[in-house]
Amino acid sequence: MLWVESIDRLARDLRDLQDIISTLNEKGVAIEFLSERLKFIAEADDAFAKLQLQMKGAFAEFERNIIRKRQAEGIAKAKAKEIYKGGKPRIDREKVYRLRNEGLST
């Protein structure tokens, strides 16, 4: 049994959500979404649960797309005002170059 807090925590779009659930069910893993109170078991064929999954999954995907659009608009406005600095560097490039020069590259 796999417990997931919410549908949108498992996948970001409906197609991925359905694929993940199908793959896990084929392997005998049951999935339960706690906040939506939906359960998917390989042996069960619950048409109503599938309908709810598709509707809630579609809404979660829609919401995620709106968030991305608003984020992009905010970044564009910040760049226009020249106050956007981007994200923090996550890689120490000097360390990468040093390690590569020491022969630790792939």
N, C-alpha and C. Protein backbone atom coordinates (compact mmCIF):
# COMPACT_ATOMS: atom_id res chain seq x y z
N MET A 1 0.85 -1.18 0.00
CA MET A 1 0.00 0.00 0.00
C MET A 1 0.89 1.24 0.00
N LEU A 2 0.58 2.15 -0.89
CA LEU A 2 1.27 3.44 -0.97
C LEU A 2 0.27 4.52 -0.60
N TRP A 3 0.59 5.28 0.45
CA TRP A 3 -0.27 6.39 0.86
C TRP A 3 0.32 7.68 0.34
N VAL A 4 -0.51 8.47 -0.30
CA VAL A 4 -0.08 9.76 -0.85
C VAL A 4 -1.01 10.83 -0.28
N GLU A 5 -0.43 11.92 0.19
CA GLU A 5 -1.23 12.98 0.80
C GLU A 5 -2.28 13.52 -0.16
N SER A 6 -1.85 13.82 -1.39
CA SER A 6 -2.76 14.42 -2.36
C SER A 6 -2.35 14.04 -3.78
N ILE A 7 -3.30 14.06 -4.69
CA ILE A 7 -3.04 13.69 -6.08
C ILE A 7 -1.90 14.51 -6.67
N ASP A 8 -1.89 15.82 -6.40
CA ASP A 8 -0.88 16.68 -7.01
C ASP A 8 0.52 16.45 -6.44
N ARG A 9 0.65 15.66 -5.38
CA ARG A 9 1.96 15.34 -4.84
C ARG A 9 2.60 14.16 -5.56
N LEU A 10 1.81 13.40 -6.29
CA LEU A 10 2.34 12.22 -6.98
C LEU A 10 2.78 12.54 -8.41
N ALA A 11 2.06 13.43 -9.08
CA ALA A 11 2.38 13.75 -10.48
C ALA A 11 1.92 15.16 -10.80
N ARG A 12 2.54 15.74 -11.81
CA ARG A 12 2.22 17.11 -12.20
C ARG A 12 1.24 17.20 -13.36
N ASP A 13 1.06 16.10 -14.08
CA ASP A 13 0.05 16.13 -15.15
C ASP A 13 -0.73 14.83 -15.15
N LEU A 14 -1.87 14.87 -15.76
CA LEU A 14 -2.83 13.77 -15.71
C LEU A 14 -2.28 12.49 -16.34
N ARG A 15 -1.59 12.62 -17.45
CA ARG A 15 -1.04 11.44 -18.13
C ARG A 15 -0.04 10.71 -17.23
N ASP A 16 0.87 11.46 -16.61
CA ASP A 16 1.84 10.85 -15.71
C ASP A 16 1.14 10.20 -14.51
N LEU A 17 0.14 10.86 -13.98
CA LEU A 17 -0.61 10.34 -12.84
C LEU A 17 -1.23 8.98 -13.19
N GLN A 18 -1.89 8.91 -14.33
CA GLN A 18 -2.53 7.66 -14.74
C GLN A 18 -1.49 6.57 -15.00
N ASP A 19 -0.36 6.94 -15.60
CA ASP A 19 0.70 5.95 -15.87
C ASP A 19 1.29 5.41 -14.57
N ILE A 20 1.53 6.30 -13.61
CA ILE A 20 2.10 5.87 -12.33
C ILE A 20 1.15 4.91 -11.61
N ILE A 21 -0.11 5.28 -11.55
CA ILE A 21 -1.10 4.43 -10.88
C ILE A 21 -1.21 3.09 -11.58
N SER A 22 -1.26 3.10 -12.89
CA SER A 22 -1.37 1.86 -13.66
C SER A 22 -0.15 0.96 -13.43
N THR A 23 1.03 1.54 -13.48
CA THR A 23 2.26 0.78 -13.29
C THR A 23 2.31 0.16 -11.89
N LEU A 24 1.97 0.96 -10.89
CA LEU A 24 2.00 0.45 -9.52
C LEU A 24 0.94 -0.64 -9.31
N ASN A 25 -0.25 -0.43 -9.85
CA ASN A 25 -1.31 -1.44 -9.72
C ASN A 25 -0.90 -2.75 -10.40
N GLU A 26 -0.25 -2.66 -11.56
CA GLU A 26 0.21 -3.86 -12.26
C GLU A 26 1.22 -4.64 -11.42
N LYS A 27 1.95 -3.94 -10.56
CA LYS A 27 2.93 -4.59 -9.68
C LYS A 27 2.31 -5.02 -8.36
N GLY A 28 0.98 -4.84 -8.24
CA GLY A 28 0.29 -5.28 -7.04
C GLY A 28 0.26 -4.26 -5.91
N VAL A 29 0.65 -3.03 -6.21
CA VAL A 29 0.68 -1.98 -5.19
C VAL A 29 -0.64 -1.22 -5.23
N ALA A 30 -1.29 -1.12 -4.08
CA ALA A 30 -2.50 -0.31 -3.96
C ALA A 30 -2.08 1.12 -3.60
N ILE A 31 -2.82 2.10 -4.08
CA ILE A 31 -2.52 3.50 -3.83
C ILE A 31 -3.74 4.15 -3.19
N GLU A 32 -3.48 4.90 -2.13
CA GLU A 32 -4.56 5.62 -1.47
C GLU A 32 -4.17 7.09 -1.35
N PHE A 33 -5.05 7.95 -1.86
CA PHE A 33 -4.86 9.40 -1.74
C PHE A 33 -5.65 9.85 -0.52
N LEU A 34 -4.95 10.36 0.46
CA LEU A 34 -5.56 10.65 1.75
C LEU A 34 -6.53 11.83 1.69
N SER A 35 -6.12 12.95 1.11
CA SER A 35 -7.00 14.12 1.13
C SER A 35 -8.22 13.94 0.23
N GLU A 36 -8.08 13.20 -0.86
CA GLU A 36 -9.20 12.98 -1.77
C GLU A 36 -10.02 11.75 -1.39
N ARG A 37 -9.49 10.94 -0.49
CA ARG A 37 -10.14 9.68 -0.07
C ARG A 37 -10.44 8.76 -1.24
N LEU A 38 -9.43 8.61 -2.09
CA LEU A 38 -9.53 7.71 -3.24
C LEU A 38 -8.55 6.56 -3.05
N LYS A 39 -8.97 5.39 -3.46
CA LYS A 39 -8.12 4.21 -3.34
C LYS A 39 -8.14 3.46 -4.66
N PHE A 40 -6.95 3.06 -5.12
CA PHE A 40 -6.83 2.32 -6.37
C PHE A 40 -6.12 1.01 -6.09
N ILE A 41 -6.85 -0.06 -6.35
CA ILE A 41 -6.36 -1.41 -6.12
C ILE A 41 -6.42 -2.14 -7.46
N ALA A 42 -5.43 -2.97 -7.71
CA ALA A 42 -5.33 -3.66 -9.00
C ALA A 42 -6.58 -4.47 -9.31
N GLU A 43 -7.15 -5.14 -8.32
CA GLU A 43 -8.29 -6.03 -8.56
C GLU A 43 -9.59 -5.26 -8.74
N ALA A 44 -9.67 -4.04 -8.22
CA ALA A 44 -10.92 -3.27 -8.27
C ALA A 44 -10.99 -2.45 -9.54
N ASP A 45 -12.19 -2.32 -10.06
CA ASP A 45 -12.42 -1.48 -11.24
C ASP A 45 -13.53 -0.50 -10.89
N ASP A 46 -13.15 0.55 -10.16
CA ASP A 46 -14.11 1.53 -9.65
C ASP A 46 -14.20 2.70 -10.63
N ALA A 47 -15.24 2.71 -11.44
CA ALA A 47 -15.41 3.75 -12.47
C ALA A 47 -15.53 5.14 -11.85
N PHE A 48 -16.21 5.25 -10.71
CA PHE A 48 -16.37 6.54 -10.06
C PHE A 48 -15.04 7.08 -9.55
N ALA A 49 -14.20 6.21 -8.98
CA ALA A 49 -12.87 6.62 -8.51
C ALA A 49 -12.02 7.09 -9.68
N LYS A 50 -12.11 6.39 -10.81
CA LYS A 50 -11.35 6.80 -12.00
C LYS A 50 -11.81 8.17 -12.50
N LEU A 51 -13.12 8.40 -12.49
CA LEU A 51 -13.65 9.70 -12.90
C LEU A 51 -13.14 10.81 -11.98
N GLN A 52 -13.20 10.57 -10.68
CA GLN A 52 -12.71 11.57 -9.73
C GLN A 52 -11.22 11.82 -9.92
N LEU A 53 -10.47 10.76 -10.15
CA LEU A 53 -9.03 10.90 -10.37
C LEU A 53 -8.76 11.78 -11.58
N GLN A 54 -9.47 11.53 -12.68
CA GLN A 54 -9.26 12.30 -13.89
C GLN A 54 -9.64 13.76 -13.71
N MET A 55 -10.74 14.00 -13.02
CA MET A 55 -11.17 15.38 -12.80
C MET A 55 -10.20 16.13 -11.89
N LYS A 56 -9.86 15.53 -10.76
CA LYS A 56 -8.97 16.18 -9.81
C LYS A 56 -7.57 16.29 -10.38
N GLY A 57 -7.14 15.30 -11.12
CA GLY A 57 -5.83 15.36 -11.77
C GLY A 57 -5.77 16.47 -12.80
N ALA A 58 -6.85 16.63 -13.56
CA ALA A 58 -6.90 17.70 -14.57
C ALA A 58 -6.88 19.07 -13.89
N PHE A 59 -7.60 19.21 -12.79
CA PHE A 59 -7.59 20.48 -12.06
C PHE A 59 -6.21 20.78 -11.48
N ALA A 60 -5.54 19.77 -10.97
CA ALA A 60 -4.19 19.96 -10.42
C ALA A 60 -3.23 20.40 -11.52
N GLU A 61 -3.34 19.78 -12.70
CA GLU A 61 -2.49 20.16 -13.83
C GLU A 61 -2.79 21.59 -14.26
N PHE A 62 -4.05 21.96 -14.32
CA PHE A 62 -4.47 23.31 -14.69
C PHE A 62 -3.91 24.33 -13.69
N GLU A 63 -4.03 24.03 -12.41
CA GLU A 63 -3.52 24.93 -11.38
C GLU A 63 -2.01 25.11 -11.50
N ARG A 64 -1.30 24.04 -11.75
CA ARG A 64 0.16 24.11 -11.90
C ARG A 64 0.54 24.99 -13.09
N ASN A 65 -0.21 24.87 -14.20
CA ASN A 65 0.06 25.70 -15.38
C ASN A 65 -0.18 27.18 -15.09
N ILE A 66 -1.22 27.49 -14.33
CA ILE A 66 -1.49 28.88 -13.98
C ILE A 66 -0.37 29.44 -13.10
N ILE A 67 0.10 28.64 -12.15
CA ILE A 67 1.20 29.07 -11.29
C ILE A 67 2.44 29.37 -12.12
N ARG A 68 2.77 28.49 -13.06
CA ARG A 68 3.94 28.72 -13.93
C ARG A 68 3.80 30.00 -14.74
N LYS A 69 2.60 30.23 -15.27
CA LYS A 69 2.36 31.43 -16.07
C LYS A 69 2.53 32.69 -15.22
N ARG A 70 1.96 32.69 -14.03
CA ARG A 70 2.10 33.85 -13.14
C ARG A 70 3.54 34.07 -12.72
N GLN A 71 4.25 33.00 -12.49
CA GLN A 71 5.65 33.10 -12.12
C GLN A 71 6.46 33.72 -13.26
N ALA A 72 6.20 33.27 -14.48
CA ALA A 72 6.91 33.81 -15.65
C ALA A 72 6.59 35.29 -15.84
N GLU A 73 5.33 35.68 -15.60
CA GLU A 73 4.96 37.09 -15.72
C GLU A 73 5.68 37.93 -14.67
N GLY A 74 5.77 37.43 -13.45
CA GLY A 74 6.48 38.14 -12.39
C GLY A 74 7.95 38.29 -12.68
N ILE A 75 8.56 37.25 -13.22
CA ILE A 75 9.99 37.31 -13.57
C ILE A 75 10.20 38.32 -14.69
N ALA A 76 9.31 38.32 -15.69
CA ALA A 76 9.43 39.28 -16.80
C ALA A 76 9.33 40.71 -16.30
N LYS A 77 8.40 40.97 -15.38
CA LYS A 77 8.27 42.33 -14.82
C LYS A 77 9.52 42.71 -14.03
N ALA A 78 10.05 41.78 -13.25
CA ALA A 78 11.25 42.06 -12.47
C ALA A 78 12.45 42.32 -13.37
N LYS A 79 12.54 41.56 -14.47
CA LYS A 79 13.64 41.79 -15.42
C LYS A 79 13.51 43.15 -16.08
N ALA A 80 12.27 43.56 -16.40
CA ALA A 80 12.05 44.87 -17.01
C ALA A 80 12.48 45.99 -16.07
N LYS A 81 12.29 45.78 -14.77
CA LYS A 81 12.70 46.79 -13.78
C LYS A 81 14.16 46.62 -13.37
N GLU A 82 14.81 45.61 -13.96
CA GLU A 82 16.21 45.28 -13.68
C GLU A 82 16.46 44.95 -12.21
N ILE A 83 15.49 44.27 -11.60
CA ILE A 83 15.67 43.84 -10.22
C ILE A 83 15.72 42.32 -10.08
N TYR A 84 15.58 41.62 -11.21
CA TYR A 84 15.61 40.16 -11.18
C TYR A 84 17.06 39.71 -11.17
N LYS A 85 17.39 38.86 -10.20
CA LYS A 85 18.76 38.39 -10.08
C LYS A 85 18.90 36.91 -10.39
N GLY A 86 17.79 36.23 -10.60
CA GLY A 86 17.83 34.80 -10.89
C GLY A 86 18.02 33.99 -9.62
N GLY A 87 18.12 32.70 -9.79
CA GLY A 87 18.31 31.82 -8.64
C GLY A 87 19.74 31.82 -8.15
N LYS A 88 19.92 31.29 -6.96
CA LYS A 88 21.26 31.18 -6.40
C LYS A 88 22.04 30.13 -7.16
N PRO A 89 23.34 30.35 -7.35
CA PRO A 89 24.16 29.32 -8.00
C PRO A 89 24.16 28.05 -7.15
N ARG A 90 23.96 26.93 -7.78
CA ARG A 90 23.89 25.67 -7.05
C ARG A 90 25.15 24.82 -7.22
N ILE A 91 25.99 25.24 -8.13
CA ILE A 91 27.22 24.49 -8.40
C ILE A 91 28.41 25.44 -8.25
N ASP A 92 29.41 24.98 -7.53
CA ASP A 92 30.65 25.74 -7.41
C ASP A 92 31.51 25.40 -8.63
N ARG A 93 31.45 26.26 -9.63
CA ARG A 93 32.15 25.98 -10.90
C ARG A 93 33.65 25.83 -10.72
N GLU A 94 34.24 26.62 -9.84
CA GLU A 94 35.68 26.51 -9.60
C GLU A 94 36.05 25.12 -9.06
N LYS A 95 35.20 24.60 -8.18
CA LYS A 95 35.45 23.27 -7.63
C LYS A 95 35.32 22.21 -8.73
N VAL A 96 34.34 22.37 -9.60
CA VAL A 96 34.15 21.43 -10.71
C VAL A 96 35.38 21.44 -11.62
N TYR A 97 35.86 22.63 -11.98
CA TYR A 97 37.05 22.73 -12.84
C TYR A 97 38.26 22.11 -12.17
N ARG A 98 38.42 22.37 -10.86
CA ARG A 98 39.57 21.83 -10.14
C ARG A 98 39.51 20.30 -10.11
N LEU A 99 38.33 19.74 -9.82
CA LEU A 99 38.21 18.28 -9.78
C LEU A 99 38.44 17.66 -11.15
N ARG A 100 37.95 18.34 -12.19
CA ARG A 100 38.16 17.83 -13.55
C ARG A 100 39.64 17.82 -13.89
N ASN A 101 40.33 18.89 -13.51
CA ASN A 101 41.77 18.97 -13.78
C ASN A 101 42.56 17.93 -12.99
N GLU A 102 41.99 17.48 -11.87
CA GLU A 102 42.62 16.43 -11.07
C GLU A 102 42.32 15.04 -11.62
N GLY A 103 41.52 14.98 -12.69
CA GLY A 103 41.22 13.69 -13.32
C GLY A 103 39.95 13.03 -12.82
N LEU A 104 39.10 13.77 -12.12
CA LEU A 104 37.88 13.18 -11.58
C LEU A 104 36.66 13.50 -12.43
N SER A 105 36.78 13.38 -13.74
CA SER A 105 35.64 13.63 -14.62
C SER A 105 35.09 12.30 -15.12
N THR A 106 33.89 12.36 -15.68
CA THR A 106 33.29 11.12 -16.20
C THR A 106 33.50 11.02 -17.69
